[in-house]
Amino acid sequence: MNITFNRDKLDAALFGINNEFREEILNSYIELKKRYAKSNYNNEYDSVGISSGKFCEIVFRCLEFEVFKSYTPFEKHISNFPNELTKLAQSPSTASNESIRIIIPRALLLIYTLRNKRGIGHIGGDVQANSIDIGTIVKISDWVICELIRIYHNLPLSEAQLIVDSLNMKTLPDIWSPSDMKRVLRDGLNFSEKTLLLLYNELENKATLKKLFEWTEYSSFSMYKSKVIVPLHKANLIEFNTKTLVIEISPKGIVKVEDLIKKNIKKQYIPPYNTLLNLQCEINLNK
């Protein structure tokens, strides 16, 4: 399930975007990808739909600023999103390049339409297509990021190309979520590595000691705390709050997990499906 995000590289690749928009785009995109990864195992499609809508509206504001030199404030609701996208397409060709005015807005419109018109997360009498709808939304979101990198990168061409190419990679699942539990599927990991992997998988990168003990299936609660959690804390790989018993993975711990994940990367190329640019997009930003 794990998807690695090298935020620094993404940030550098999108350096040409105004800092305010860049931060919001990165936050919403990473949230979308993490929620999508989780939905593959718990079927929580609603959260992915919410994140995709947020991603669309943030990217739109960035495009709006690029074309019109002003944008809808973040705190203001966009009442008719398709109409606002149409305004971008109707702007003069001198306002910005074609991708900013037309192609990316059309991609955002498809994401928004699938999110709002297909009843993602709803139960009805029709054949359920939630999984493929969400998969399409996320792949188009990947394409949008690829296109923004192509336009705004401030890196040597070879490095920018490497990042875009990395959006074409896919990881095999490392964590399974049956019912309210989580299980590490990766073989060969010790309990410390399993603990870090489980924390990394959480949307907020934190969990309670009790949950981690249950998820790792360690034989003894007290031994798990003393033999696994305390050493990880002393090594600055996690932060263990002894009052709340909440554990959060540290930046150092994230680096260690991403090194583990890199060892299990398997490239899997997917036949082109995106007629917007015939660009294949699945993500693993770990290069």
C-alpha atoms as a PDB file:
ATOM      1  CA  MET A   1       0.000   0.000   0.000  1.00  0.00           C
ATOM      2  CA  ASN A   2       2.841   2.342   0.724  1.00  0.00           C
ATOM      3  CA  ILE A   3       3.651   5.116  -1.684  1.00  0.00           C
ATOM      4  CA  THR A   4       6.792   7.104  -1.086  1.00  0.00           C
ATOM      5  CA  PHE A   5       6.738  10.836  -1.525  1.00  0.00           C
ATOM      6  CA  ASN A   6       9.987  12.735  -1.790  1.00  0.00           C
ATOM      7  CA  ARG A   7       8.448  16.084  -0.981  1.00  0.00           C
ATOM      8  CA  ASP A   8      11.690  17.996  -1.480  1.00  0.00           C
ATOM      9  CA  LYS A   9      12.053  16.716  -5.036  1.00  0.00           C
ATOM     10  CA  LEU A  10       8.437  17.454  -5.833  1.00  0.00           C
ATOM     11  CA  ASP A  11       8.833  20.910  -4.375  1.00  0.00           C
ATOM     12  CA  ALA A  12      11.933  21.533  -6.491  1.00  0.00           C
ATOM     13  CA  ALA A  13      10.203  20.188  -9.582  1.00  0.00           C
ATOM     14  CA  LEU A  14       7.339  22.647  -9.082  1.00  0.00           C
ATOM     15  CA  PHE A  15       9.591  25.517  -8.024  1.00  0.00           C
ATOM     16  CA  GLY A  16       8.247  27.848 -10.723  1.00  0.00           C
ATOM     17  CA  ILE A  17       4.806  27.867  -9.084  1.00  0.00           C
ATOM     18  CA  ASN A  18       4.054  30.587  -6.543  1.00  0.00           C
ATOM     19  CA  ASN A  19       4.988  29.265  -3.103  1.00  0.00           C
ATOM     20  CA  GLU A  20       1.469  29.623  -1.656  1.00  0.00           C
ATOM     21  CA  PHE A  21      -0.052  27.516  -4.426  1.00  0.00           C
ATOM     22  CA  ARG A  22       2.833  25.043  -4.496  1.00  0.00           C
ATOM     23  CA  GLU A  23       2.443  24.165  -0.816  1.00  0.00           C
ATOM     24  CA  GLU A  24      -1.307  23.699  -1.138  1.00  0.00           C
ATOM     25  CA  ILE A  25      -0.957  21.608  -4.311  1.00  0.00           C
ATOM     26  CA  LEU A  26       1.622  19.336  -2.683  1.00  0.00           C
ATOM     27  CA  ASN A  27      -0.436  18.917   0.496  1.00  0.00           C
ATOM     28  CA  SER A  28      -3.621  18.045  -1.369  1.00  0.00           C
ATOM     29  CA  TYR A  29      -1.884  15.726  -3.839  1.00  0.00           C
ATOM     30  CA  ILE A  30      -0.061  13.734  -1.162  1.00  0.00           C
ATOM     31  CA  GLU A  31      -3.254  13.494   0.891  1.00  0.00           C
ATOM     32  CA  LEU A  32      -5.094  12.233  -2.198  1.00  0.00           C
ATOM     33  CA  LYS A  33      -2.473   9.575  -2.922  1.00  0.00           C
ATOM     34  CA  LYS A  34      -2.338   8.319   0.646  1.00  0.00           C
ATOM     35  CA  ARG A  35      -6.113   8.105   0.901  1.00  0.00           C
ATOM     36  CA  TYR A  36      -6.249   6.292  -2.419  1.00  0.00           C
ATOM     37  CA  ALA A  37      -3.700   3.759  -1.207  1.00  0.00           C
ATOM     38  CA  LYS A  38      -5.812   3.134   1.889  1.00  0.00           C
ATOM     39  CA  SER A  39      -9.039   2.847  -0.125  1.00  0.00           C
ATOM     40  CA  ASN A  40      -7.646  -0.169  -1.963  1.00  0.00           C
ATOM     41  CA  TYR A  41      -8.021  -2.087   1.278  1.00  0.00           C
ATOM     42  CA  ASN A  42     -10.822  -0.446   3.253  1.00  0.00           C
ATOM     43  CA  ASN A  43     -13.099   0.809   0.419  1.00  0.00           C
ATOM     44  CA  GLU A  44     -13.281   4.305   1.930  1.00  0.00           C
ATOM     45  CA  TYR A  45     -13.886   6.009  -1.403  1.00  0.00           C
ATOM     46  CA  ASP A  46     -15.563   9.096   0.038  1.00  0.00           C
ATOM     47  CA  SER A  47     -12.317  10.385   1.536  1.00  0.00           C
ATOM     48  CA  VAL A  48     -10.580  10.031  -1.833  1.00  0.00           C
ATOM     49  CA  GLY A  49     -13.379  11.947  -3.517  1.00  0.00           C
ATOM     50  CA  ILE A  50     -13.094  14.752  -0.964  1.00  0.00           C
ATOM     51  CA  SER A  51      -9.334  14.978  -1.495  1.00  0.00           C
ATOM     52  CA  SER A  52      -9.689  14.977  -5.279  1.00  0.00           C
ATOM     53  CA  GLY A  53     -12.146  17.874  -5.127  1.00  0.00           C
ATOM     54  CA  LYS A  54      -9.749  19.832  -2.946  1.00  0.00           C
ATOM     55  CA  PHE A  55      -6.881  19.066  -5.339  1.00  0.00           C
ATOM     56  CA  CYS A  56      -8.909  20.293  -8.334  1.00  0.00           C
ATOM     57  CA  GLU A  57      -9.893  23.562  -6.688  1.00  0.00           C
ATOM     58  CA  ILE A  58      -6.345  24.311  -5.551  1.00  0.00           C
ATOM     59  CA  VAL A  59      -4.844  23.619  -8.981  1.00  0.00           C
ATOM     60  CA  PHE A  60      -7.598  25.721 -10.548  1.00  0.00           C
ATOM     61  CA  ARG A  61      -6.679  28.704  -8.378  1.00  0.00           C
ATOM     62  CA  CYS A  62      -3.073  28.324  -9.468  1.00  0.00           C
ATOM     63  CA  LEU A  63      -4.111  28.327 -13.133  1.00  0.00           C
ATOM     64  CA  GLU A  64      -6.493  31.213 -12.525  1.00  0.00           C
ATOM     65  CA  PHE A  65      -3.665  33.282 -11.078  1.00  0.00           C
ATOM     66  CA  GLU A  66      -1.401  32.375 -13.994  1.00  0.00           C
ATOM     67  CA  VAL A  67      -3.961  33.461 -16.592  1.00  0.00           C
ATOM     68  CA  PHE A  68      -5.753  36.393 -14.922  1.00  0.00           C
ATOM     69  CA  LYS A  69      -3.125  37.514 -12.354  1.00  0.00           C
ATOM     70  CA  SER A  70      -5.754  37.204  -9.620  1.00  0.00           C
ATOM     71  CA  TYR A  71      -7.493  34.227  -8.044  1.00  0.00           C
ATOM     72  CA  THR A  72     -10.473  33.162  -5.970  1.00  0.00           C
ATOM     73  CA  PRO A  73      -9.484  33.338  -2.276  1.00  0.00           C
ATOM     74  CA  PHE A  74      -8.976  29.940  -0.646  1.00  0.00           C
ATOM     75  CA  GLU A  75     -11.641  30.662   1.928  1.00  0.00           C
ATOM     76  CA  LYS A  76     -14.247  31.474  -0.772  1.00  0.00           C
ATOM     77  CA  HIS A  77     -16.403  28.683  -2.181  1.00  0.00           C
ATOM     78  CA  ILE A  78     -16.318  28.159  -5.959  1.00  0.00           C
ATOM     79  CA  SER A  79     -20.024  27.879  -6.733  1.00  0.00           C
ATOM     80  CA  ASN A  80     -19.843  26.769 -10.380  1.00  0.00           C
ATOM     81  CA  PHE A  81     -16.554  25.020 -10.966  1.00  0.00           C
ATOM     82  CA  PRO A  82     -17.177  23.989 -14.630  1.00  0.00           C
ATOM     83  CA  ASN A  83     -18.024  27.583 -15.568  1.00  0.00           C
ATOM     84  CA  GLU A  84     -14.842  28.845 -13.953  1.00  0.00           C
ATOM     85  CA  LEU A  85     -12.829  26.311 -15.942  1.00  0.00           C
ATOM     86  CA  THR A  86     -14.555  27.477 -19.113  1.00  0.00           C
ATOM     87  CA  LYS A  87     -13.382  31.020 -18.430  1.00  0.00           C
ATOM     88  CA  LEU A  88      -9.803  29.769 -18.542  1.00  0.00           C
ATOM     89  CA  ALA A  89     -10.384  28.134 -21.915  1.00  0.00           C
ATOM     90  CA  GLN A  90     -11.955  31.324 -23.270  1.00  0.00           C
ATOM     91  CA  SER A  91      -9.051  33.524 -22.204  1.00  0.00           C
ATOM     92  CA  PRO A  92      -6.811  35.012 -24.939  1.00  0.00           C
ATOM     93  CA  SER A  93      -4.067  32.750 -26.232  1.00  0.00           C
ATOM     94  CA  THR A  94      -1.585  35.407 -25.150  1.00  0.00           C
ATOM     95  CA  ALA A  95      -2.629  35.016 -21.502  1.00  0.00           C
ATOM     96  CA  SER A  96      -0.728  31.744 -21.022  1.00  0.00           C
ATOM     97  CA  ASN A  97       0.182  28.541 -22.832  1.00  0.00           C
ATOM     98  CA  GLU A  98      -2.426  26.100 -24.110  1.00  0.00           C
ATOM     99  CA  SER A  99      -1.882  23.541 -21.384  1.00  0.00           C
ATOM    100  CA  ILE A 100      -2.587  26.085 -18.625  1.00  0.00           C
ATOM    101  CA  ARG A 101      -5.665  27.518 -20.354  1.00  0.00           C
ATOM    102  CA  ILE A 102      -7.228  24.415 -21.916  1.00  0.00           C
ATOM    103  CA  ILE A 103      -5.638  21.011 -21.389  1.00  0.00           C
ATOM    104  CA  ILE A 104      -5.174  20.948 -17.595  1.00  0.00           C
ATOM    105  CA  PRO A 105      -8.616  22.544 -17.022  1.00  0.00           C
ATOM    106  CA  ARG A 106     -10.200  19.761 -19.107  1.00  0.00           C
ATOM    107  CA  ALA A 107      -8.418  17.183 -16.973  1.00  0.00           C
ATOM    108  CA  LEU A 108      -9.688  18.896 -13.819  1.00  0.00           C
ATOM    109  CA  LEU A 109     -13.207  18.923 -15.219  1.00  0.00           C
ATOM    110  CA  LEU A 110     -13.124  15.171 -15.795  1.00  0.00           C
ATOM    111  CA  ILE A 111     -11.902  14.583 -12.231  1.00  0.00           C
ATOM    112  CA  TYR A 112     -14.596  16.870 -10.870  1.00  0.00           C
ATOM    113  CA  THR A 113     -17.306  15.256 -12.992  1.00  0.00           C
ATOM    114  CA  LEU A 114     -16.383  11.728 -11.924  1.00  0.00           C
ATOM    115  CA  ARG A 115     -16.294  12.840  -8.310  1.00  0.00           C
ATOM    116  CA  ASN A 116     -19.690  14.575  -8.382  1.00  0.00           C
ATOM    117  CA  LYS A 117     -21.732  12.745 -11.005  1.00  0.00           C
ATOM    118  CA  ARG A 118     -20.775   9.106 -10.473  1.00  0.00           C
ATOM    119  CA  GLY A 119     -21.837   8.819  -6.853  1.00  0.00           C
ATOM    120  CA  ILE A 120     -18.436   7.783  -5.542  1.00  0.00           C
ATOM    121  CA  GLY A 121     -18.834   6.081  -2.203  1.00  0.00           C
ATOM    122  CA  HIS A 122     -22.611   5.771  -2.608  1.00  0.00           C
ATOM    123  CA  ILE A 123     -24.625   2.568  -2.666  1.00  0.00           C
ATOM    124  CA  GLY A 124     -27.250   2.071  -5.335  1.00  0.00           C
ATOM    125  CA  GLY A 125     -28.805  -0.460  -7.627  1.00  0.00           C
ATOM    126  CA  ASP A 126     -26.311   0.011 -10.445  1.00  0.00           C
ATOM    127  CA  VAL A 127     -23.103  -1.896 -10.995  1.00  0.00           C
ATOM    128  CA  GLN A 128     -20.559  -0.354  -8.628  1.00  0.00           C
ATOM    129  CA  ALA A 129     -17.596   1.264 -10.372  1.00  0.00           C
ATOM    130  CA  ASN A 130     -16.161   3.106  -7.395  1.00  0.00           C
ATOM    131  CA  SER A 131     -12.775   1.449  -7.632  1.00  0.00           C
ATOM    132  CA  ILE A 132     -12.180   2.159 -11.314  1.00  0.00           C
ATOM    133  CA  ASP A 133     -13.626   5.675 -11.007  1.00  0.00           C
ATOM    134  CA  ILE A 134     -11.284   6.492  -8.149  1.00  0.00           C
ATOM    135  CA  GLY A 135      -8.363   4.897  -9.996  1.00  0.00           C
ATOM    136  CA  THR A 136      -9.083   7.085 -13.010  1.00  0.00           C
ATOM    137  CA  ILE A 137      -9.324  10.200 -10.845  1.00  0.00           C
ATOM    138  CA  VAL A 138      -5.966   9.497  -9.229  1.00  0.00           C
ATOM    139  CA  LYS A 139      -4.223   8.707 -12.518  1.00  0.00           C
ATOM    140  CA  ILE A 140      -5.468  11.940 -14.044  1.00  0.00           C
ATOM    141  CA  SER A 141      -4.269  13.762 -10.923  1.00  0.00           C
ATOM    142  CA  ASP A 142      -0.860  12.172 -11.502  1.00  0.00           C
ATOM    143  CA  TRP A 143      -0.985  13.460 -15.067  1.00  0.00           C
ATOM    144  CA  VAL A 144      -1.798  16.971 -13.849  1.00  0.00           C
ATOM    145  CA  ILE A 145       1.252  16.910 -11.578  1.00  0.00           C
ATOM    146  CA  CYS A 146       3.386  15.610 -14.452  1.00  0.00           C
ATOM    147  CA  GLU A 147       2.190  18.454 -16.643  1.00  0.00           C
ATOM    148  CA  LEU A 148       2.826  21.079 -13.972  1.00  0.00           C
ATOM    149  CA  ILE A 149       6.345  19.701 -13.542  1.00  0.00           C
ATOM    150  CA  ARG A 150       6.882  19.875 -17.293  1.00  0.00           C
ATOM    151  CA  ILE A 151       5.855  23.525 -17.324  1.00  0.00           C
ATOM    152  CA  TYR A 152       7.298  24.816 -14.059  1.00  0.00           C
ATOM    153  CA  HIS A 153      10.351  22.720 -13.188  1.00  0.00           C
ATOM    154  CA  ASN A 154      13.546  24.493 -12.212  1.00  0.00           C
ATOM    155  CA  LEU A 155      15.846  21.484 -12.431  1.00  0.00           C
ATOM    156  CA  PRO A 156      18.347  20.077 -14.907  1.00  0.00           C
ATOM    157  CA  LEU A 157      16.342  18.465 -17.692  1.00  0.00           C
ATOM    158  CA  SER A 158      17.574  14.973 -16.851  1.00  0.00           C
ATOM    159  CA  GLU A 159      16.483  15.277 -13.220  1.00  0.00           C
ATOM    160  CA  ALA A 160      13.069  16.696 -14.115  1.00  0.00           C
ATOM    161  CA  GLN A 161      12.628  13.838 -16.592  1.00  0.00           C
ATOM    162  CA  LEU A 162      13.517  11.328 -13.876  1.00  0.00           C
ATOM    163  CA  ILE A 163      10.838  12.703 -11.562  1.00  0.00           C
ATOM    164  CA  VAL A 164       8.192  12.646 -14.289  1.00  0.00           C
ATOM    165  CA  ASP A 165       9.202   9.101 -15.227  1.00  0.00           C
ATOM    166  CA  SER A 166       8.907   8.061 -11.586  1.00  0.00           C
ATOM    167  CA  LEU A 167       5.192   8.912 -11.773  1.00  0.00           C
ATOM    168  CA  ASN A 168       4.954   5.903 -14.062  1.00  0.00           C
ATOM    169  CA  MET A 169       5.964   3.444 -11.375  1.00  0.00           C
ATOM    170  CA  LYS A 170       3.848   1.278  -9.138  1.00  0.00           C
ATOM    171  CA  THR A 171       4.534  -0.445  -5.814  1.00  0.00           C
ATOM    172  CA  LEU A 172       3.136  -3.728  -4.650  1.00  0.00           C
ATOM    173  CA  PRO A 173       1.057  -3.543  -1.459  1.00  0.00           C
ATOM    174  CA  ASP A 174       2.974  -3.795   1.829  1.00  0.00           C
ATOM    175  CA  ILE A 175       0.045  -3.464   4.216  1.00  0.00           C
ATOM    176  CA  TRP A 176      -3.378  -5.082   4.264  1.00  0.00           C
ATOM    177  CA  SER A 177      -6.304  -3.736   6.296  1.00  0.00           C
ATOM    178  CA  PRO A 178      -8.819  -6.472   7.152  1.00  0.00           C
ATOM    179  CA  SER A 179     -11.708  -5.093   9.224  1.00  0.00           C
ATOM    180  CA  ASP A 180     -10.244  -2.715  11.833  1.00  0.00           C
ATOM    181  CA  MET A 181      -6.834  -4.356  11.812  1.00  0.00           C
ATOM    182  CA  LYS A 182      -3.671  -3.869   9.789  1.00  0.00           C
ATOM    183  CA  ARG A 183      -1.205  -6.530   8.729  1.00  0.00           C
ATOM    184  CA  VAL A 184       2.259  -6.122   7.237  1.00  0.00           C
ATOM    185  CA  LEU A 185       2.486  -8.324   4.143  1.00  0.00           C
ATOM    186  CA  ARG A 186       6.174  -7.744   3.470  1.00  0.00           C
ATOM    187  CA  ASP A 187       8.266 -10.742   4.447  1.00  0.00           C
ATOM    188  CA  GLY A 188      11.602 -10.518   6.212  1.00  0.00           C
ATOM    189  CA  LEU A 189      10.956  -7.437   8.376  1.00  0.00           C
ATOM    190  CA  ASN A 190      11.726  -7.326  12.075  1.00  0.00           C
ATOM    191  CA  PHE A 191       9.244  -5.810  14.534  1.00  0.00           C
ATOM    192  CA  SER A 192      10.961  -2.426  14.524  1.00  0.00           C
ATOM    193  CA  GLU A 193      10.705  -2.229  10.737  1.00  0.00           C
ATOM    194  CA  LYS A 194       7.079  -3.366  10.808  1.00  0.00           C
ATOM    195  CA  THR A 195       6.290  -0.668  13.358  1.00  0.00           C
ATOM    196  CA  LEU A 196       7.889   2.063  11.254  1.00  0.00           C
ATOM    197  CA  LEU A 197       6.122   0.819   8.129  1.00  0.00           C
ATOM    198  CA  LEU A 198       2.744   0.867   9.890  1.00  0.00           C
ATOM    199  CA  LEU A 199       3.304   4.405  11.167  1.00  0.00           C
ATOM    200  CA  TYR A 200       4.406   5.573   7.736  1.00  0.00           C
ATOM    201  CA  ASN A 201       1.214   4.147   6.267  1.00  0.00           C
ATOM    202  CA  GLU A 202      -1.023   6.212   8.577  1.00  0.00           C
ATOM    203  CA  LEU A 203      -2.344   9.432   7.028  1.00  0.00           C
ATOM    204  CA  GLU A 204      -1.018  11.502   9.941  1.00  0.00           C
ATOM    205  CA  ASN A 205       1.995   9.191  10.489  1.00  0.00           C
ATOM    206  CA  LYS A 206       0.932   8.345  14.046  1.00  0.00           C
ATOM    207  CA  ALA A 207      -0.898   5.627  15.990  1.00  0.00           C
ATOM    208  CA  THR A 208      -1.416   4.507  19.570  1.00  0.00           C
ATOM    209  CA  LEU A 209       0.880   2.018  21.269  1.00  0.00           C
ATOM    210  CA  LYS A 210      -2.057  -0.373  21.723  1.00  0.00           C
ATOM    211  CA  LYS A 211      -2.893  -0.381  18.011  1.00  0.00           C
ATOM    212  CA  LEU A 212       0.711  -0.925  16.952  1.00  0.00           C
ATOM    213  CA  PHE A 213       1.031  -3.809  19.390  1.00  0.00           C
ATOM    214  CA  GLU A 214      -2.110  -5.418  17.942  1.00  0.00           C
ATOM    215  CA  TRP A 215      -1.075  -4.793  14.341  1.00  0.00           C
ATOM    216  CA  THR A 216       2.413  -6.250  14.749  1.00  0.00           C
ATOM    217  CA  GLU A 217       1.140  -9.246  16.772  1.00  0.00           C
ATOM    218  CA  TYR A 218       4.046  -9.071  19.191  1.00  0.00           C
ATOM    219  CA  SER A 219       3.793 -11.705  21.908  1.00  0.00           C
ATOM    220  CA  SER A 220       3.915  -9.376  24.931  1.00  0.00           C
ATOM    221  CA  PHE A 221       2.687  -5.796  25.332  1.00  0.00           C
ATOM    222  CA  SER A 222       5.327  -4.848  27.911  1.00  0.00           C
ATOM    223  CA  MET A 223       8.124  -6.455  25.897  1.00  0.00           C
ATOM    224  CA  TYR A 224       6.939  -4.729  22.721  1.00  0.00           C
ATOM    225  CA  LYS A 225       7.133  -1.412  24.508  1.00  0.00           C
ATOM    226  CA  SER A 226      10.571  -2.027  26.018  1.00  0.00           C
ATOM    227  CA  LYS A 227      12.205  -3.946  23.164  1.00  0.00           C
ATOM    228  CA  VAL A 228      10.735  -2.180  20.129  1.00  0.00           C
ATOM    229  CA  ILE A 229       9.202   1.207  20.955  1.00  0.00           C
ATOM    230  CA  VAL A 230      11.747   2.518  23.465  1.00  0.00           C
ATOM    231  CA  PRO A 231      14.781   1.716  21.268  1.00  0.00           C
ATOM    232  CA  LEU A 232      13.082   3.342  18.260  1.00  0.00           C
ATOM    233  CA  HIS A 233      12.428   6.416  20.378  1.00  0.00           C
ATOM    234  CA  LYS A 234      16.033   6.525  21.613  1.00  0.00           C
ATOM    235  CA  ALA A 235      17.224   6.255  18.008  1.00  0.00           C
ATOM    236  CA  ASN A 236      15.017   9.261  17.105  1.00  0.00           C
ATOM    237  CA  LEU A 237      13.101   7.183  14.575  1.00  0.00           C
ATOM    238  CA  ILE A 238       9.822   7.829  16.403  1.00  0.00           C
ATOM    239  CA  GLU A 239       8.444  10.159  19.073  1.00  0.00           C
ATOM    240  CA  PHE A 240       6.802   8.214  21.902  1.00  0.00           C
ATOM    241  CA  ASN A 241       4.529  10.297  24.124  1.00  0.00           C
ATOM    242  CA  THR A 242       4.500   8.397  27.416  1.00  0.00           C
ATOM    243  CA  LYS A 243       1.446  10.327  28.645  1.00  0.00           C
ATOM    244  CA  THR A 244      -0.891   9.811  25.695  1.00  0.00           C
ATOM    245  CA  LEU A 245       0.816   6.607  24.459  1.00  0.00           C
ATOM    246  CA  VAL A 246       0.664   8.041  20.936  1.00  0.00           C
ATOM    247  CA  ILE A 247       3.609   7.280  18.669  1.00  0.00           C
ATOM    248  CA  GLU A 248       4.601   9.362  15.642  1.00  0.00           C
ATOM    249  CA  ILE A 249       7.256   8.541  13.087  1.00  0.00           C
ATOM    250  CA  SER A 250      10.060  11.100  12.787  1.00  0.00           C
ATOM    251  CA  PRO A 251      11.617  12.491   9.586  1.00  0.00           C
ATOM    252  CA  LYS A 252      14.546  10.163  10.259  1.00  0.00           C
ATOM    253  CA  GLY A 253      12.142   7.246  10.559  1.00  0.00           C
ATOM    254  CA  ILE A 254      10.435   8.209   7.301  1.00  0.00           C
ATOM    255  CA  VAL A 255      13.788   8.104   5.500  1.00  0.00           C
ATOM    256  CA  LYS A 256      14.452   4.624   6.913  1.00  0.00           C
ATOM    257  CA  VAL A 257      11.038   3.363   5.776  1.00  0.00           C
ATOM    258  CA  GLU A 258      11.478   4.803   2.304  1.00  0.00           C
ATOM    259  CA  ASP A 259      14.818   3.019   2.045  1.00  0.00           C
ATOM    260  CA  LEU A 260      13.000  -0.208   2.913  1.00  0.00           C
ATOM    261  CA  ILE A 261      10.344   0.449   0.307  1.00  0.00           C
ATOM    262  CA  LYS A 262      12.908   1.162  -2.396  1.00  0.00           C
ATOM    263  CA  LYS A 263      14.219  -2.372  -1.991  1.00  0.00           C
ATOM    264  CA  ASN A 264      10.803  -3.729  -2.932  1.00  0.00           C
ATOM    265  CA  ILE A 265      10.053  -1.546  -5.931  1.00  0.00           C
ATOM    266  CA  LYS A 266       8.922  -3.393  -9.009  1.00  0.00           C
ATOM    267  CA  LYS A 267       8.236  -1.447 -12.161  1.00  0.00           C
ATOM    268  CA  GLN A 268       4.996  -2.263 -13.852  1.00  0.00           C
ATOM    269  CA  TYR A 269       4.164  -0.313 -16.979  1.00  0.00           C
ATOM    270  CA  ILE A 270       0.529   0.071 -17.855  1.00  0.00           C
ATOM    271  CA  PRO A 271      -0.834   0.414 -21.406  1.00  0.00           C
ATOM    272  CA  PRO A 272      -1.560   4.047 -22.267  1.00  0.00           C
ATOM    273  CA  TYR A 273      -5.107   5.057 -21.497  1.00  0.00           C
ATOM    274  CA  ASN A 274      -5.105   8.794 -21.054  1.00  0.00           C
ATOM    275  CA  THR A 275      -6.200  10.440 -24.276  1.00  0.00           C
ATOM    276  CA  LEU A 276      -5.272  13.853 -22.921  1.00  0.00           C
ATOM    277  CA  LEU A 277      -1.588  13.248 -23.457  1.00  0.00           C
ATOM    278  CA  ASN A 278      -1.359   9.465 -23.702  1.00  0.00           C
ATOM    279  CA  LEU A 279       0.668   9.658 -20.482  1.00  0.00           C
ATOM    280  CA  GLN A 280       0.840   6.688 -18.144  1.00  0.00           C
ATOM    281  CA  CYS A 281       0.754   7.747 -14.508  1.00  0.00           C
ATOM    282  CA  GLU A 282       1.182   5.626 -11.428  1.00  0.00           C
ATOM    283  CA  ILE A 283       3.330   6.959  -8.613  1.00  0.00           C
ATOM    284  CA  ASN A 284       6.372   6.089  -6.666  1.00  0.00           C
ATOM    285  CA  LEU A 285       8.479   9.163  -6.028  1.00  0.00           C
ATOM    286  CA  ASN A 286      11.381   7.448  -4.377  1.00  0.00           C
ATOM    287  CA  LYS A 287      14.278   8.067  -6.730  1.00  0.00           C
END
